[in-house]
Amino acid sequence: MGTVILDSSVLIGLMDTSDVHHAAARQAVRNLDLDDVCIPASVVAEVLVSTARHQPTQLASVKDHIAASFGRTRVIDDDVAMAAAQLRAQHRSLRLPDALVIATGIVDDASVILTGDARWDGIDERVQLL
């Protein structure tokens, strides 16, 4: 398997035992080669919102934990921005944060874009639902 892009719903599911996606996210990530995982910077930002709101002193620690667990963070560059704009133009209900994750998978030619968001079904053949 090539690169796997993880959406925020997967990471939040992993980190929150009460999340509806917790069990599925754990199972999905357990089967991955973590050397092939990519986390878009926009996903890191989304995952950190709750920590920033409720435990701001832990923000750097949680970010470091994500990096230690999953490795590299993929920056949002011009190629990803253009692909995200095209996705938004084609799928009017697609939110920008979601388009950035899918665009990262397209630009990087990922094998899988893993999400818990059923609204992504059919947007790209790489999208796999938990």
C-alpha atoms as a PDB file:
ATOM      1  CA  MET A   1       0.000   0.000   0.000  1.00  0.00           C
ATOM      2  CA  GLY A   2       1.226   3.506  -0.765  1.00  0.00           C
ATOM      3  CA  THR A   3       0.648   6.693   1.177  1.00  0.00           C
ATOM      4  CA  VAL A   4      -2.440   6.898   3.372  1.00  0.00           C
ATOM      5  CA  ILE A   5      -3.883  10.331   4.147  1.00  0.00           C
ATOM      6  CA  LEU A   6      -5.696  10.526   7.489  1.00  0.00           C
ATOM      7  CA  ASP A   7      -8.600  12.900   8.006  1.00  0.00           C
ATOM      8  CA  SER A   8      -9.274  14.631  11.314  1.00  0.00           C
ATOM      9  CA  SER A   9     -12.232  12.316  11.984  1.00  0.00           C
ATOM     10  CA  VAL A  10      -9.776   9.415  12.127  1.00  0.00           C
ATOM     11  CA  LEU A  11      -7.346  11.144  14.488  1.00  0.00           C
ATOM     12  CA  ILE A  12     -10.105  12.474  16.730  1.00  0.00           C
ATOM     13  CA  GLY A  13     -11.624   8.997  16.785  1.00  0.00           C
ATOM     14  CA  LEU A  14      -8.300   7.556  17.889  1.00  0.00           C
ATOM     15  CA  MET A  15      -7.762  10.109  20.631  1.00  0.00           C
ATOM     16  CA  ASP A  16     -11.301  10.179  22.061  1.00  0.00           C
ATOM     17  CA  THR A  17     -12.536   6.845  23.414  1.00  0.00           C
ATOM     18  CA  SER A  18     -16.104   8.181  23.468  1.00  0.00           C
ATOM     19  CA  ASP A  19     -16.031   9.176  19.775  1.00  0.00           C
ATOM     20  CA  VAL A  20     -18.365   7.265  17.449  1.00  0.00           C
ATOM     21  CA  HIS A  21     -15.376   6.395  15.222  1.00  0.00           C
ATOM     22  CA  HIS A  22     -13.039   5.239  18.013  1.00  0.00           C
ATOM     23  CA  ALA A  23     -13.193   1.473  17.419  1.00  0.00           C
ATOM     24  CA  ALA A  24     -13.145   1.745  13.627  1.00  0.00           C
ATOM     25  CA  ALA A  25     -10.276   4.239  13.680  1.00  0.00           C
ATOM     26  CA  ARG A  26      -8.212   2.014  15.991  1.00  0.00           C
ATOM     27  CA  GLN A  27      -8.798  -0.998  13.759  1.00  0.00           C
ATOM     28  CA  ALA A  28      -7.987   0.897  10.565  1.00  0.00           C
ATOM     29  CA  VAL A  29      -4.784   2.440  11.901  1.00  0.00           C
ATOM     30  CA  ARG A  30      -3.672  -0.846  13.459  1.00  0.00           C
ATOM     31  CA  ASN A  31      -3.509  -2.292   9.943  1.00  0.00           C
ATOM     32  CA  LEU A  32      -1.412   0.559   8.482  1.00  0.00           C
ATOM     33  CA  ASP A  33       2.317   0.858   7.965  1.00  0.00           C
ATOM     34  CA  LEU A  34       2.794   4.135   9.848  1.00  0.00           C
ATOM     35  CA  ASP A  35       5.764   5.005   7.635  1.00  0.00           C
ATOM     36  CA  ASP A  36       3.251   5.508   4.830  1.00  0.00           C
ATOM     37  CA  VAL A  37       0.860   7.773   6.772  1.00  0.00           C
ATOM     38  CA  CYS A  38       0.545  11.448   5.931  1.00  0.00           C
ATOM     39  CA  ILE A  39      -1.290  14.048   7.999  1.00  0.00           C
ATOM     40  CA  PRO A  40      -2.179  17.301   6.204  1.00  0.00           C
ATOM     41  CA  ALA A  41      -1.410  20.444   8.225  1.00  0.00           C
ATOM     42  CA  SER A  42      -5.102  21.361   8.037  1.00  0.00           C
ATOM     43  CA  VAL A  43      -5.934  18.089   9.832  1.00  0.00           C
ATOM     44  CA  VAL A  44      -3.423  18.842  12.593  1.00  0.00           C
ATOM     45  CA  ALA A  45      -5.089  22.237  13.052  1.00  0.00           C
ATOM     46  CA  GLU A  46      -8.577  20.700  13.235  1.00  0.00           C
ATOM     47  CA  VAL A  47      -7.483  18.071  15.740  1.00  0.00           C
ATOM     48  CA  LEU A  48      -5.848  20.702  17.960  1.00  0.00           C
ATOM     49  CA  VAL A  49      -8.927  22.946  18.221  1.00  0.00           C
ATOM     50  CA  SER A  50     -10.416  21.116  21.209  1.00  0.00           C
ATOM     51  CA  THR A  51      -7.095  21.128  23.035  1.00  0.00           C
ATOM     52  CA  ALA A  52      -6.621  24.833  22.310  1.00  0.00           C
ATOM     53  CA  ARG A  53     -10.094  25.513  23.682  1.00  0.00           C
ATOM     54  CA  HIS A  54     -10.033  23.306  26.779  1.00  0.00           C
ATOM     55  CA  GLN A  55      -6.355  22.707  27.615  1.00  0.00           C
ATOM     56  CA  PRO A  56      -4.292  25.411  25.916  1.00  0.00           C
ATOM     57  CA  THR A  57      -1.196  24.609  27.952  1.00  0.00           C
ATOM     58  CA  GLN A  58      -1.208  21.114  26.416  1.00  0.00           C
ATOM     59  CA  LEU A  59      -1.300  22.286  22.795  1.00  0.00           C
ATOM     60  CA  ALA A  60       2.388  21.730  22.024  1.00  0.00           C
ATOM     61  CA  SER A  61       2.331  18.375  23.805  1.00  0.00           C
ATOM     62  CA  VAL A  62      -0.624  17.087  21.775  1.00  0.00           C
ATOM     63  CA  LYS A  63       0.954  18.335  18.525  1.00  0.00           C
ATOM     64  CA  ASP A  64       4.185  16.560  19.447  1.00  0.00           C
ATOM     65  CA  HIS A  65       2.224  13.384  20.230  1.00  0.00           C
ATOM     66  CA  ILE A  66       0.597  13.475  16.792  1.00  0.00           C
ATOM     67  CA  ALA A  67       4.005  13.946  15.149  1.00  0.00           C
ATOM     68  CA  ALA A  68       5.553  11.129  17.199  1.00  0.00           C
ATOM     69  CA  SER A  69       2.675   8.789  16.378  1.00  0.00           C
ATOM     70  CA  PHE A  70       2.213   9.548  12.688  1.00  0.00           C
ATOM     71  CA  GLY A  71       5.335  11.270  11.441  1.00  0.00           C
ATOM     72  CA  ARG A  72       5.398  13.992   8.894  1.00  0.00           C
ATOM     73  CA  THR A  73       2.892  16.769   8.534  1.00  0.00           C
ATOM     74  CA  ARG A  74       2.110  17.671   4.930  1.00  0.00           C
ATOM     75  CA  VAL A  75       2.141  21.407   4.292  1.00  0.00           C
ATOM     76  CA  ILE A  76      -0.631  22.969   2.256  1.00  0.00           C
ATOM     77  CA  ASP A  77       1.210  24.265  -0.800  1.00  0.00           C
ATOM     78  CA  ASP A  78       0.052  25.891  -4.041  1.00  0.00           C
ATOM     79  CA  ASP A  79      -0.631  22.545  -5.740  1.00  0.00           C
ATOM     80  CA  VAL A  80      -2.887  21.405  -2.895  1.00  0.00           C
ATOM     81  CA  ALA A  81      -4.601  24.799  -2.795  1.00  0.00           C
ATOM     82  CA  MET A  82      -5.382  24.660  -6.522  1.00  0.00           C
ATOM     83  CA  ALA A  83      -6.657  21.073  -6.315  1.00  0.00           C
ATOM     84  CA  ALA A  84      -8.835  22.017  -3.329  1.00  0.00           C
ATOM     85  CA  ALA A  85     -10.292  24.942  -5.277  1.00  0.00           C
ATOM     86  CA  GLN A  86     -11.148  22.621  -8.168  1.00  0.00           C
ATOM     87  CA  LEU A  87     -12.818  20.168  -5.779  1.00  0.00           C
ATOM     88  CA  ARG A  88     -14.882  22.951  -4.216  1.00  0.00           C
ATOM     89  CA  ALA A  89     -15.902  24.151  -7.678  1.00  0.00           C
ATOM     90  CA  GLN A  90     -17.098  20.637  -8.607  1.00  0.00           C
ATOM     91  CA  HIS A  91     -18.701  19.799  -5.229  1.00  0.00           C
ATOM     92  CA  ARG A  92     -20.423  22.914  -3.925  1.00  0.00           C
ATOM     93  CA  SER A  93     -21.311  21.371  -0.558  1.00  0.00           C
ATOM     94  CA  LEU A  94     -17.710  20.294   0.126  1.00  0.00           C
ATOM     95  CA  ARG A  95     -16.178  22.372   2.919  1.00  0.00           C
ATOM     96  CA  LEU A  96     -12.701  23.832   2.447  1.00  0.00           C
ATOM     97  CA  PRO A  97     -11.053  21.798   5.262  1.00  0.00           C
ATOM     98  CA  ASP A  98     -12.399  18.618   3.665  1.00  0.00           C
ATOM     99  CA  ALA A  99     -11.318  19.710   0.185  1.00  0.00           C
ATOM    100  CA  LEU A 100      -7.780  20.337   1.487  1.00  0.00           C
ATOM    101  CA  VAL A 101      -7.512  16.778   2.828  1.00  0.00           C
ATOM    102  CA  ILE A 102      -8.830  15.190  -0.357  1.00  0.00           C
ATOM    103  CA  ALA A 103      -6.666  17.501  -2.488  1.00  0.00           C
ATOM    104  CA  THR A 104      -3.588  16.428  -0.517  1.00  0.00           C
ATOM    105  CA  GLY A 105      -4.355  12.826  -1.411  1.00  0.00           C
ATOM    106  CA  ILE A 106      -4.843  13.700  -5.064  1.00  0.00           C
ATOM    107  CA  VAL A 107      -1.671  15.804  -5.361  1.00  0.00           C
ATOM    108  CA  ASP A 108       0.449  13.246  -3.512  1.00  0.00           C
ATOM    109  CA  ASP A 109      -1.150  10.355  -5.442  1.00  0.00           C
ATOM    110  CA  ALA A 110      -2.046   8.616  -2.189  1.00  0.00           C
ATOM    111  CA  SER A 111      -3.423   5.096  -2.230  1.00  0.00           C
ATOM    112  CA  VAL A 112      -6.057   5.863   0.393  1.00  0.00           C
ATOM    113  CA  ILE A 113      -7.711   8.896   1.960  1.00  0.00           C
ATOM    114  CA  LEU A 114      -9.182   7.562   5.201  1.00  0.00           C
ATOM    115  CA  THR A 115     -12.126   9.382   6.780  1.00  0.00           C
ATOM    116  CA  GLY A 116     -15.177   8.870   8.916  1.00  0.00           C
ATOM    117  CA  ASP A 117     -17.133  11.427   6.881  1.00  0.00           C
ATOM    118  CA  ALA A 118     -19.692   9.656   4.693  1.00  0.00           C
ATOM    119  CA  ARG A 119     -20.282  12.897   2.748  1.00  0.00           C
ATOM    120  CA  TRP A 120     -16.927  12.298   1.014  1.00  0.00           C
ATOM    121  CA  ASP A 121     -18.150   9.102  -0.628  1.00  0.00           C
ATOM    122  CA  GLY A 122     -17.901   9.389  -4.395  1.00  0.00           C
ATOM    123  CA  ILE A 123     -15.698  12.497  -4.472  1.00  0.00           C
ATOM    124  CA  ASP A 124     -12.522  10.546  -5.277  1.00  0.00           C
ATOM    125  CA  GLU A 125     -11.850   6.848  -5.713  1.00  0.00           C
ATOM    126  CA  ARG A 126      -9.147   6.968  -3.005  1.00  0.00           C
ATOM    127  CA  VAL A 127     -11.617   7.930  -0.276  1.00  0.00           C
ATOM    128  CA  GLN A 128     -12.308   5.068   2.128  1.00  0.00           C
ATOM    129  CA  LEU A 129     -14.783   5.326   4.960  1.00  0.00           C
ATOM    130  CA  LEU A 130     -14.043   3.902   8.383  1.00  0.00           C
END
